[in-house]
Each structure stands twice: as structure tokens, then as C-alpha cells.
All heavy atoms as atom14 arrays in JSON, in Angstrom:
{
  "sequence": "TLGSYGVEEGVRRLLTLSSQRAFARLTEPGGFYDDQLTRLTLPDTG",
  "atom14_mask": [
    [1, 1, 1, 1, 1, 1, 1, 0, 0, 0, 0, 0, 0, 0],
    [1, 1, 1, 1, 1, 1, 1, 1, 0, 0, 0, 0, 0, 0],
    [1, 1, 1, 1, 0, 0, 0, 0, 0, 0, 0, 0, 0, 0],
    [1, 1, 1, 1, 1, 1, 0, 0, 0, 0, 0, 0, 0, 0],
    [1, 1, 1, 1, 1, 1, 1, 1, 1, 1, 1, 1, 0, 0],
    [1, 1, 1, 1, 0, 0, 0, 0, 0, 0, 0, 0, 0, 0],
    [1, 1, 1, 1, 1, 1, 1, 0, 0, 0, 0, 0, 0, 0],
    [1, 1, 1, 1, 1, 1, 1, 1, 1, 0, 0, 0, 0, 0],
    [1, 1, 1, 1, 1, 1, 1, 1, 1, 0, 0, 0, 0, 0],
    [1, 1, 1, 1, 0, 0, 0, 0, 0, 0, 0, 0, 0, 0],
    [1, 1, 1, 1, 1, 1, 1, 0, 0, 0, 0, 0, 0, 0],
    [1, 1, 1, 1, 1, 1, 1, 1, 1, 1, 1, 0, 0, 0],
    [1, 1, 1, 1, 1, 1, 1, 1, 1, 1, 1, 0, 0, 0],
    [1, 1, 1, 1, 1, 1, 1, 1, 0, 0, 0, 0, 0, 0],
    [1, 1, 1, 1, 1, 1, 1, 1, 0, 0, 0, 0, 0, 0],
    [1, 1, 1, 1, 1, 1, 1, 0, 0, 0, 0, 0, 0, 0],
    [1, 1, 1, 1, 1, 1, 1, 1, 0, 0, 0, 0, 0, 0],
    [1, 1, 1, 1, 1, 1, 0, 0, 0, 0, 0, 0, 0, 0],
    [1, 1, 1, 1, 1, 1, 0, 0, 0, 0, 0, 0, 0, 0],
    [1, 1, 1, 1, 1, 1, 1, 1, 1, 0, 0, 0, 0, 0],
    [1, 1, 1, 1, 1, 1, 1, 1, 1, 1, 1, 0, 0, 0],
    [1, 1, 1, 1, 1, 0, 0, 0, 0, 0, 0, 0, 0, 0],
    [1, 1, 1, 1, 1, 1, 1, 1, 1, 1, 1, 0, 0, 0],
    [1, 1, 1, 1, 1, 0, 0, 0, 0, 0, 0, 0, 0, 0],
    [1, 1, 1, 1, 1, 1, 1, 1, 1, 1, 1, 0, 0, 0],
    [1, 1, 1, 1, 1, 1, 1, 1, 0, 0, 0, 0, 0, 0],
    [1, 1, 1, 1, 1, 1, 1, 0, 0, 0, 0, 0, 0, 0],
    [1, 1, 1, 1, 1, 1, 1, 1, 1, 0, 0, 0, 0, 0],
    [1, 1, 1, 1, 1, 1, 1, 0, 0, 0, 0, 0, 0, 0],
    [1, 1, 1, 1, 0, 0, 0, 0, 0, 0, 0, 0, 0, 0],
    [1, 1, 1, 1, 0, 0, 0, 0, 0, 0, 0, 0, 0, 0],
    [1, 1, 1, 1, 1, 1, 1, 1, 1, 1, 1, 0, 0, 0],
    [1, 1, 1, 1, 1, 1, 1, 1, 1, 1, 1, 1, 0, 0],
    [1, 1, 1, 1, 1, 1, 1, 1, 0, 0, 0, 0, 0, 0],
    [1, 1, 1, 1, 1, 1, 1, 1, 0, 0, 0, 0, 0, 0],
    [1, 1, 1, 1, 1, 1, 1, 1, 1, 0, 0, 0, 0, 0],
    [1, 1, 1, 1, 1, 1, 1, 1, 0, 0, 0, 0, 0, 0],
    [1, 1, 1, 1, 1, 1, 1, 0, 0, 0, 0, 0, 0, 0],
    [1, 1, 1, 1, 1, 1, 1, 1, 1, 1, 1, 0, 0, 0],
    [1, 1, 1, 1, 1, 1, 1, 1, 0, 0, 0, 0, 0, 0],
    [1, 1, 1, 1, 1, 1, 1, 0, 0, 0, 0, 0, 0, 0],
    [1, 1, 1, 1, 1, 1, 1, 1, 0, 0, 0, 0, 0, 0],
    [1, 1, 1, 1, 1, 1, 1, 0, 0, 0, 0, 0, 0, 0],
    [1, 1, 1, 1, 1, 1, 1, 1, 0, 0, 0, 0, 0, 0],
    [1, 1, 1, 1, 1, 1, 1, 0, 0, 0, 0, 0, 0, 0],
    [1, 1, 1, 1, 0, 0, 0, 0, 0, 0, 0, 0, 0, 0]
  ],
  "atom14_positions": [
    [[111.33, 103.07, 85.98], [110.04, 102.56, 85.52], [110.11, 101.05, 85.46], [111.15, 100.44, 85.7], [109.72, 103.14, 84.14], [110.8, 102.82, 83.25], [109.57, 104.64, 84.21], [0.0, 0.0, 0.0], [0.0, 0.0, 0.0], [0.0, 0.0, 0.0], [0.0, 0.0, 0.0], [0.0, 0.0, 0.0], [0.0, 0.0, 0.0], [0.0, 0.0, 0.0]],
    [[109.0, 100.41, 85.07], [108.9, 98.95, 85.13], [110.02, 98.26, 84.37], [110.7, 97.4, 84.91], [107.54, 98.51, 84.58], [107.19, 97.05, 84.77], [107.16, 96.67, 86.22], [105.85, 96.75, 84.12], [0.0, 0.0, 0.0], [0.0, 0.0, 0.0], [0.0, 0.0, 0.0], [0.0, 0.0, 0.0], [0.0, 0.0, 0.0], [0.0, 0.0, 0.0]],
    [[110.24, 98.64, 83.12], [111.35, 98.07, 82.35], [111.34, 96.56, 82.37], [110.34, 95.92, 82.09], [0.0, 0.0, 0.0], [0.0, 0.0, 0.0], [0.0, 0.0, 0.0], [0.0, 0.0, 0.0], [0.0, 0.0, 0.0], [0.0, 0.0, 0.0], [0.0, 0.0, 0.0], [0.0, 0.0, 0.0], [0.0, 0.0, 0.0], [0.0, 0.0, 0.0]],
    [[112.47, 95.97, 82.74], [112.6, 94.52, 82.78], [112.17, 93.94, 84.12], [112.39, 92.77, 84.39], [114.06, 94.12, 82.5], [114.91, 94.69, 83.49], [0.0, 0.0, 0.0], [0.0, 0.0, 0.0], [0.0, 0.0, 0.0], [0.0, 0.0, 0.0], [0.0, 0.0, 0.0], [0.0, 0.0, 0.0], [0.0, 0.0, 0.0], [0.0, 0.0, 0.0]],
    [[111.59, 94.75, 84.94], [111.17, 94.34, 86.28], [110.1, 93.26, 86.17], [109.07, 93.45, 85.54], [110.64, 95.57, 86.99], [110.41, 95.41, 88.46], [111.46, 95.45, 89.35], [109.13, 95.25, 88.96], [111.26, 95.33, 90.7], [108.91, 95.13, 90.31], [109.98, 95.17, 91.18], [109.76, 95.04, 92.53], [0.0, 0.0, 0.0], [0.0, 0.0, 0.0]],
    [[110.34, 92.08, 86.76], [109.44, 90.96, 86.62], [108.22, 91.04, 87.52], [108.25, 91.64, 88.58], [0.0, 0.0, 0.0], [0.0, 0.0, 0.0], [0.0, 0.0, 0.0], [0.0, 0.0, 0.0], [0.0, 0.0, 0.0], [0.0, 0.0, 0.0], [0.0, 0.0, 0.0], [0.0, 0.0, 0.0], [0.0, 0.0, 0.0], [0.0, 0.0, 0.0]],
    [[107.15, 90.4, 87.07], [105.92, 90.38, 87.86], [106.13, 89.63, 89.16], [105.62, 90.02, 90.22], [104.77, 89.75, 87.04], [103.5, 89.68, 87.87], [104.53, 90.55, 85.77], [0.0, 0.0, 0.0], [0.0, 0.0, 0.0], [0.0, 0.0, 0.0], [0.0, 0.0, 0.0], [0.0, 0.0, 0.0], [0.0, 0.0, 0.0], [0.0, 0.0, 0.0]],
    [[106.9, 88.54, 89.12], [107.17, 87.79, 90.35], [107.91, 88.66, 91.36], [107.58, 88.65, 92.55], [108.01, 86.55, 90.02], [108.3, 85.68, 91.25], [109.01, 84.38, 90.88], [108.96, 83.99, 89.7], [109.59, 83.77, 91.78], [0.0, 0.0, 0.0], [0.0, 0.0, 0.0], [0.0, 0.0, 0.0], [0.0, 0.0, 0.0], [0.0, 0.0, 0.0]],
    [[108.88, 89.41, 90.88], [109.59, 90.32, 91.78], [108.66, 91.43, 92.26], [108.83, 91.97, 93.36], [110.81, 90.9, 91.08], [111.81, 91.56, 92.03], [112.41, 90.58, 93.02], [112.62, 89.41, 92.66], [112.67, 90.98, 94.16], [0.0, 0.0, 0.0], [0.0, 0.0, 0.0], [0.0, 0.0, 0.0], [0.0, 0.0, 0.0], [0.0, 0.0, 0.0]],
    [[107.68, 91.77, 91.45], [106.71, 92.78, 91.86], [105.89, 92.33, 93.07], [105.56, 93.14, 93.94], [0.0, 0.0, 0.0], [0.0, 0.0, 0.0], [0.0, 0.0, 0.0], [0.0, 0.0, 0.0], [0.0, 0.0, 0.0], [0.0, 0.0, 0.0], [0.0, 0.0, 0.0], [0.0, 0.0, 0.0], [0.0, 0.0, 0.0], [0.0, 0.0, 0.0]],
    [[105.55, 91.05, 93.12], [104.84, 90.52, 94.28], [105.71, 90.66, 95.53], [105.24, 91.06, 96.6], [104.44, 89.06, 94.06], [103.86, 88.46, 95.34], [103.43, 88.94, 92.93], [0.0, 0.0, 0.0], [0.0, 0.0, 0.0], [0.0, 0.0, 0.0], [0.0, 0.0, 0.0], [0.0, 0.0, 0.0], [0.0, 0.0, 0.0], [0.0, 0.0, 0.0]],
    [[106.98, 90.34, 95.38], [107.89, 90.47, 96.52], [107.99, 91.93, 96.95], [108.05, 92.24, 98.15], [109.28, 89.94, 96.15], [109.31, 88.46, 95.81], [110.74, 87.95, 95.7], [110.79, 86.57, 95.28], [111.01, 86.16, 94.03], [111.24, 87.06, 93.09], [111.04, 84.89, 93.73], [0.0, 0.0, 0.0], [0.0, 0.0, 0.0], [0.0, 0.0, 0.0]],
    [[108.0, 92.81, 95.98], [108.09, 94.25, 96.29], [106.84, 94.72, 97.03], [106.93, 95.49, 98.0], [108.25, 95.01, 94.97], [108.6, 96.47, 95.13], [108.65, 97.12, 93.75], [109.24, 98.43, 93.81], [110.55, 98.66, 93.73], [111.39, 97.65, 93.6], [111.02, 99.88, 93.8], [0.0, 0.0, 0.0], [0.0, 0.0, 0.0], [0.0, 0.0, 0.0]],
    [[105.69, 94.26, 96.59], [104.44, 94.6, 97.25], [104.45, 94.12, 98.7], [104.05, 94.84, 99.62], [103.27, 93.97, 96.49], [101.88, 94.07, 97.12], [101.45, 95.52, 97.28], [100.85, 93.29, 96.27], [0.0, 0.0, 0.0], [0.0, 0.0, 0.0], [0.0, 0.0, 0.0], [0.0, 0.0, 0.0], [0.0, 0.0, 0.0], [0.0, 0.0, 0.0]],
    [[104.93, 92.9, 98.91], [104.97, 92.35, 100.26], [106.01, 93.05, 101.13], [105.8, 93.23, 102.33], [105.28, 90.85, 100.2], [104.1, 89.96, 99.83], [104.55, 88.52, 99.61], [103.02, 90.02, 100.92], [0.0, 0.0, 0.0], [0.0, 0.0, 0.0], [0.0, 0.0, 0.0], [0.0, 0.0, 0.0], [0.0, 0.0, 0.0], [0.0, 0.0, 0.0]],
    [[107.13, 93.44, 100.54], [108.15, 94.13, 101.32], [107.63, 95.46, 101.82], [107.79, 95.8, 103.0], [109.42, 94.35, 100.46], [109.93, 93.09, 100.05], [110.49, 95.07, 101.27], [0.0, 0.0, 0.0], [0.0, 0.0, 0.0], [0.0, 0.0, 0.0], [0.0, 0.0, 0.0], [0.0, 0.0, 0.0], [0.0, 0.0, 0.0], [0.0, 0.0, 0.0]],
    [[106.99, 96.23, 100.96], [106.45, 97.51, 101.37], [105.32, 97.34, 102.38], [105.23, 98.07, 103.37], [105.97, 98.3, 100.15], [105.42, 99.71, 100.43], [106.45, 100.56, 101.16], [105.0, 100.38, 99.13], [0.0, 0.0, 0.0], [0.0, 0.0, 0.0], [0.0, 0.0, 0.0], [0.0, 0.0, 0.0], [0.0, 0.0, 0.0], [0.0, 0.0, 0.0]],
    [[104.46, 96.35, 102.14], [103.37, 96.08, 103.09], [103.91, 95.71, 104.45], [103.41, 96.18, 105.49], [102.48, 94.96, 102.55], [101.9, 95.29, 101.3], [0.0, 0.0, 0.0], [0.0, 0.0, 0.0], [0.0, 0.0, 0.0], [0.0, 0.0, 0.0], [0.0, 0.0, 0.0], [0.0, 0.0, 0.0], [0.0, 0.0, 0.0], [0.0, 0.0, 0.0]],
    [[104.96, 94.87, 104.47], [105.56, 94.46, 105.74], [106.24, 95.63, 106.43], [106.14, 95.79, 107.66], [106.58, 93.34, 105.49], [105.95, 92.21, 104.94], [0.0, 0.0, 0.0], [0.0, 0.0, 0.0], [0.0, 0.0, 0.0], [0.0, 0.0, 0.0], [0.0, 0.0, 0.0], [0.0, 0.0, 0.0], [0.0, 0.0, 0.0], [0.0, 0.0, 0.0]],
    [[106.93, 96.45, 105.66], [107.59, 97.62, 106.24], [106.58, 98.49, 106.98], [106.81, 98.91, 108.12], [108.27, 98.43, 105.14], [108.94, 99.7, 105.65], [109.35, 100.63, 104.54], [109.11, 100.35, 103.36], [109.98, 101.73, 104.89], [0.0, 0.0, 0.0], [0.0, 0.0, 0.0], [0.0, 0.0, 0.0], [0.0, 0.0, 0.0], [0.0, 0.0, 0.0]],
    [[105.47, 98.77, 106.33], [104.46, 99.62, 106.94], [103.82, 98.95, 108.16], [103.56, 99.6, 109.18], [103.39, 99.97, 105.9], [103.89, 100.89, 104.8], [102.8, 101.19, 103.79], [103.21, 102.2, 102.82], [102.43, 102.68, 101.86], [101.18, 102.23, 101.74], [102.87, 103.59, 101.03], [0.0, 0.0, 0.0], [0.0, 0.0, 0.0], [0.0, 0.0, 0.0]],
    [[103.55, 97.65, 108.04], [102.91, 96.94, 109.15], [103.8, 96.91, 110.38], [103.37, 97.21, 111.5], [102.55, 95.52, 108.72], [0.0, 0.0, 0.0], [0.0, 0.0, 0.0], [0.0, 0.0, 0.0], [0.0, 0.0, 0.0], [0.0, 0.0, 0.0], [0.0, 0.0, 0.0], [0.0, 0.0, 0.0], [0.0, 0.0, 0.0], [0.0, 0.0, 0.0]],
    [[105.08, 96.56, 110.2], [105.98, 96.48, 111.34], [106.28, 97.85, 111.92], [106.51, 97.96, 113.13], [107.28, 95.77, 110.94], [107.18, 94.28, 110.93], [107.23, 93.57, 109.74], [107.02, 93.57, 112.11], [107.12, 92.2, 109.72], [106.92, 92.19, 112.1], [106.97, 91.49, 110.91], [0.0, 0.0, 0.0], [0.0, 0.0, 0.0], [0.0, 0.0, 0.0]],
    [[106.27, 98.88, 111.09], [106.47, 100.22, 111.62], [105.38, 100.57, 112.63], [105.63, 101.21, 113.65], [106.49, 101.25, 110.49], [0.0, 0.0, 0.0], [0.0, 0.0, 0.0], [0.0, 0.0, 0.0], [0.0, 0.0, 0.0], [0.0, 0.0, 0.0], [0.0, 0.0, 0.0], [0.0, 0.0, 0.0], [0.0, 0.0, 0.0], [0.0, 0.0, 0.0]],
    [[104.16, 100.13, 112.35], [103.06, 100.37, 113.29], [103.16, 99.46, 114.51], [102.98, 99.9, 115.64], [101.72, 100.12, 112.59], [101.34, 101.14, 111.53], [99.9, 100.93, 111.09], [99.48, 101.85, 110.04], [98.24, 102.0, 109.64], [97.28, 101.29, 110.22], [97.93, 102.84, 108.67], [0.0, 0.0, 0.0], [0.0, 0.0, 0.0], [0.0, 0.0, 0.0]],
    [[103.42, 98.18, 114.26], [103.39, 97.21, 115.35], [104.5, 97.41, 116.36], [104.35, 97.04, 117.53], [103.48, 95.79, 114.77], [102.26, 95.33, 113.96], [102.53, 93.98, 113.33], [101.01, 95.27, 114.83], [0.0, 0.0, 0.0], [0.0, 0.0, 0.0], [0.0, 0.0, 0.0], [0.0, 0.0, 0.0], [0.0, 0.0, 0.0], [0.0, 0.0, 0.0]],
    [[105.64, 97.96, 115.95], [106.75, 98.14, 116.87], [106.72, 99.47, 117.6], [107.62, 99.78, 118.37], [108.1, 97.98, 116.13], [108.16, 98.87, 115.01], [108.3, 96.56, 115.65], [0.0, 0.0, 0.0], [0.0, 0.0, 0.0], [0.0, 0.0, 0.0], [0.0, 0.0, 0.0], [0.0, 0.0, 0.0], [0.0, 0.0, 0.0], [0.0, 0.0, 0.0]],
    [[105.69, 100.26, 117.37], [105.46, 101.45, 118.18], [104.98, 101.0, 119.56], [104.39, 99.93, 119.71], [104.4, 102.34, 117.54], [104.84, 103.03, 116.26], [105.77, 104.19, 116.53], [105.69, 104.76, 117.64], [106.58, 104.52, 115.65], [0.0, 0.0, 0.0], [0.0, 0.0, 0.0], [0.0, 0.0, 0.0], [0.0, 0.0, 0.0], [0.0, 0.0, 0.0]],
    [[105.2, 101.8, 120.61], [104.63, 101.47, 121.92], [103.11, 101.29, 121.81], [102.42, 102.15, 121.24], [104.99, 102.7, 122.77], [106.22, 103.26, 122.13], [106.02, 103.03, 120.66], [0.0, 0.0, 0.0], [0.0, 0.0, 0.0], [0.0, 0.0, 0.0], [0.0, 0.0, 0.0], [0.0, 0.0, 0.0], [0.0, 0.0, 0.0], [0.0, 0.0, 0.0]],
    [[102.63, 100.18, 122.31], [101.2, 99.89, 122.2], [100.77, 99.49, 120.81], [99.58, 99.48, 120.51], [0.0, 0.0, 0.0], [0.0, 0.0, 0.0], [0.0, 0.0, 0.0], [0.0, 0.0, 0.0], [0.0, 0.0, 0.0], [0.0, 0.0, 0.0], [0.0, 0.0, 0.0], [0.0, 0.0, 0.0], [0.0, 0.0, 0.0], [0.0, 0.0, 0.0]],
    [[101.73, 99.14, 119.96], [101.44, 98.86, 118.57], [100.45, 97.74, 118.34], [99.67, 97.77, 117.39], [0.0, 0.0, 0.0], [0.0, 0.0, 0.0], [0.0, 0.0, 0.0], [0.0, 0.0, 0.0], [0.0, 0.0, 0.0], [0.0, 0.0, 0.0], [0.0, 0.0, 0.0], [0.0, 0.0, 0.0], [0.0, 0.0, 0.0], [0.0, 0.0, 0.0]],
    [[100.46, 96.74, 119.22], [99.48, 95.65, 119.12], [98.21, 96.01, 119.9], [97.11, 95.89, 119.38], [100.06, 94.35, 119.68], [101.01, 93.64, 118.76], [102.33, 94.03, 118.66], [100.58, 92.57, 117.99], [103.21, 93.38, 117.81], [101.44, 91.9, 117.13], [102.76, 92.31, 117.04], [0.0, 0.0, 0.0], [0.0, 0.0, 0.0], [0.0, 0.0, 0.0]],
    [[98.36, 96.44, 121.13], [97.22, 96.62, 122.03], [96.29, 97.73, 121.58], [95.07, 97.63, 121.75], [97.72, 96.91, 123.44], [96.63, 96.87, 124.49], [96.2, 95.65, 125.01], [96.01, 98.04, 124.93], [95.19, 95.61, 125.97], [95.01, 98.01, 125.87], [94.6, 96.78, 126.39], [93.6, 96.74, 127.31], [0.0, 0.0, 0.0], [0.0, 0.0, 0.0]],
    [[96.83, 98.8, 121.01], [96.01, 99.95, 120.67], [95.21, 99.78, 119.38], [94.48, 100.69, 118.98], [96.89, 101.21, 120.54], [97.47, 101.63, 121.88], [96.94, 101.21, 122.91], [98.49, 102.36, 121.87], [0.0, 0.0, 0.0], [0.0, 0.0, 0.0], [0.0, 0.0, 0.0], [0.0, 0.0, 0.0], [0.0, 0.0, 0.0], [0.0, 0.0, 0.0]],
    [[95.35, 98.65, 118.74], [94.69, 98.4, 117.46], [93.8, 97.16, 117.58], [94.28, 96.07, 117.88], [95.76, 98.17, 116.38], [95.18, 98.13, 114.97], [93.98, 97.84, 114.82], [95.94, 98.35, 114.01], [0.0, 0.0, 0.0], [0.0, 0.0, 0.0], [0.0, 0.0, 0.0], [0.0, 0.0, 0.0], [0.0, 0.0, 0.0], [0.0, 0.0, 0.0]],
    [[92.51, 97.34, 117.38], [91.58, 96.21, 117.5], [91.92, 95.08, 116.54], [91.68, 93.91, 116.84], [90.14, 96.69, 117.24], [89.54, 97.55, 118.34], [89.15, 96.73, 119.56], [89.17, 95.51, 119.54], [88.81, 97.41, 120.65], [0.0, 0.0, 0.0], [0.0, 0.0, 0.0], [0.0, 0.0, 0.0], [0.0, 0.0, 0.0], [0.0, 0.0, 0.0]],
    [[92.5, 95.41, 115.41], [92.83, 94.39, 114.42], [93.96, 93.49, 114.88], [94.0, 92.31, 114.52], [93.24, 95.06, 113.09], [93.52, 94.11, 111.92], [92.22, 93.47, 111.42], [94.21, 94.86, 110.77], [0.0, 0.0, 0.0], [0.0, 0.0, 0.0], [0.0, 0.0, 0.0], [0.0, 0.0, 0.0], [0.0, 0.0, 0.0], [0.0, 0.0, 0.0]],
    [[94.86, 93.99, 115.71], [96.05, 93.23, 116.09], [96.14, 92.93, 117.58], [97.09, 92.27, 118.01], [97.32, 94.0, 115.66], [97.36, 95.27, 116.32], [97.36, 94.2, 114.16], [0.0, 0.0, 0.0], [0.0, 0.0, 0.0], [0.0, 0.0, 0.0], [0.0, 0.0, 0.0], [0.0, 0.0, 0.0], [0.0, 0.0, 0.0], [0.0, 0.0, 0.0]],
    [[95.21, 93.39, 118.37], [95.31, 93.22, 119.83], [95.27, 91.74, 120.21], [94.42, 90.98, 119.75], [94.18, 93.95, 120.54], [94.23, 93.84, 122.06], [93.07, 94.57, 122.69], [93.1, 95.99, 122.38], [92.13, 96.85, 122.69], [91.05, 96.41, 123.31], [92.25, 98.12, 122.37], [0.0, 0.0, 0.0], [0.0, 0.0, 0.0], [0.0, 0.0, 0.0]],
    [[96.18, 91.35, 121.09], [96.2, 89.99, 121.63], [95.32, 89.94, 122.86], [95.28, 90.88, 123.66], [97.63, 89.57, 122.01], [98.54, 89.07, 120.89], [98.78, 90.15, 119.84], [99.88, 88.61, 121.45], [0.0, 0.0, 0.0], [0.0, 0.0, 0.0], [0.0, 0.0, 0.0], [0.0, 0.0, 0.0], [0.0, 0.0, 0.0], [0.0, 0.0, 0.0]],
    [[94.61, 88.83, 123.04], [93.72, 88.68, 124.18], [94.16, 87.51, 125.04], [94.74, 86.55, 124.56], [92.27, 88.44, 123.71], [92.23, 87.27, 122.88], [91.76, 89.63, 122.92], [0.0, 0.0, 0.0], [0.0, 0.0, 0.0], [0.0, 0.0, 0.0], [0.0, 0.0, 0.0], [0.0, 0.0, 0.0], [0.0, 0.0, 0.0], [0.0, 0.0, 0.0]],
    [[93.89, 87.61, 126.33], [94.25, 86.55, 127.27], [93.25, 85.41, 127.14], [92.04, 85.63, 127.22], [94.25, 87.1, 128.69], [94.73, 86.16, 129.79], [96.22, 85.87, 129.62], [94.46, 86.77, 131.16], [0.0, 0.0, 0.0], [0.0, 0.0, 0.0], [0.0, 0.0, 0.0], [0.0, 0.0, 0.0], [0.0, 0.0, 0.0], [0.0, 0.0, 0.0]],
    [[93.73, 84.17, 126.92], [92.79, 83.05, 126.81], [92.08, 82.79, 128.13], [92.58, 83.12, 129.21], [93.7, 81.87, 126.43], [95.06, 82.26, 126.91], [95.12, 83.76, 126.76], [0.0, 0.0, 0.0], [0.0, 0.0, 0.0], [0.0, 0.0, 0.0], [0.0, 0.0, 0.0], [0.0, 0.0, 0.0], [0.0, 0.0, 0.0], [0.0, 0.0, 0.0]],
    [[90.88, 82.22, 128.04], [90.12, 81.89, 129.24], [90.89, 80.89, 130.09], [91.5, 79.96, 129.58], [88.76, 81.31, 128.87], [87.84, 82.37, 128.27], [88.03, 83.55, 128.58], [86.96, 81.99, 127.47], [0.0, 0.0, 0.0], [0.0, 0.0, 0.0], [0.0, 0.0, 0.0], [0.0, 0.0, 0.0], [0.0, 0.0, 0.0], [0.0, 0.0, 0.0]],
    [[90.83, 81.09, 131.4], [91.5, 80.19, 132.34], [90.44, 79.44, 133.13], [89.62, 80.06, 133.8], [92.4, 80.98, 133.31], [93.36, 81.71, 132.55], [93.11, 80.05, 134.26], [0.0, 0.0, 0.0], [0.0, 0.0, 0.0], [0.0, 0.0, 0.0], [0.0, 0.0, 0.0], [0.0, 0.0, 0.0], [0.0, 0.0, 0.0], [0.0, 0.0, 0.0]],
    [[90.48, 78.14, 133.05], [89.5, 77.32, 133.75], [89.91, 77.06, 135.19], [90.91, 77.56, 135.69], [0.0, 0.0, 0.0], [0.0, 0.0, 0.0], [0.0, 0.0, 0.0], [0.0, 0.0, 0.0], [0.0, 0.0, 0.0], [0.0, 0.0, 0.0], [0.0, 0.0, 0.0], [0.0, 0.0, 0.0], [0.0, 0.0, 0.0], [0.0, 0.0, 0.0]]
  ]
}
């Protein structure tokens, strides 16, 4: 349980879990391209 667990460390914990989940998706085949939120686009070429 929370106990002596600090709020500052809690922010780090929140970010660690968020990053874990995000990278698990992004490192799947097509992880960037298949998601409109993360898809990279080719810049216009003049």
C-alpha cells in the first residue's frame, strides 16, 4: 500500500507505467503507422 511512498515518486511511477504501455504498442509491427495518433507522414517535397 502507499505507506511511505512519496508523491514525487508516484509521478515517476505513473510515467513509468504509461511509458511501458506506450512502447509496448509502438514497438509492435506497424506500431506507428497503424495508429492515427502516432503515424509519421512524409513532408512535402518541392
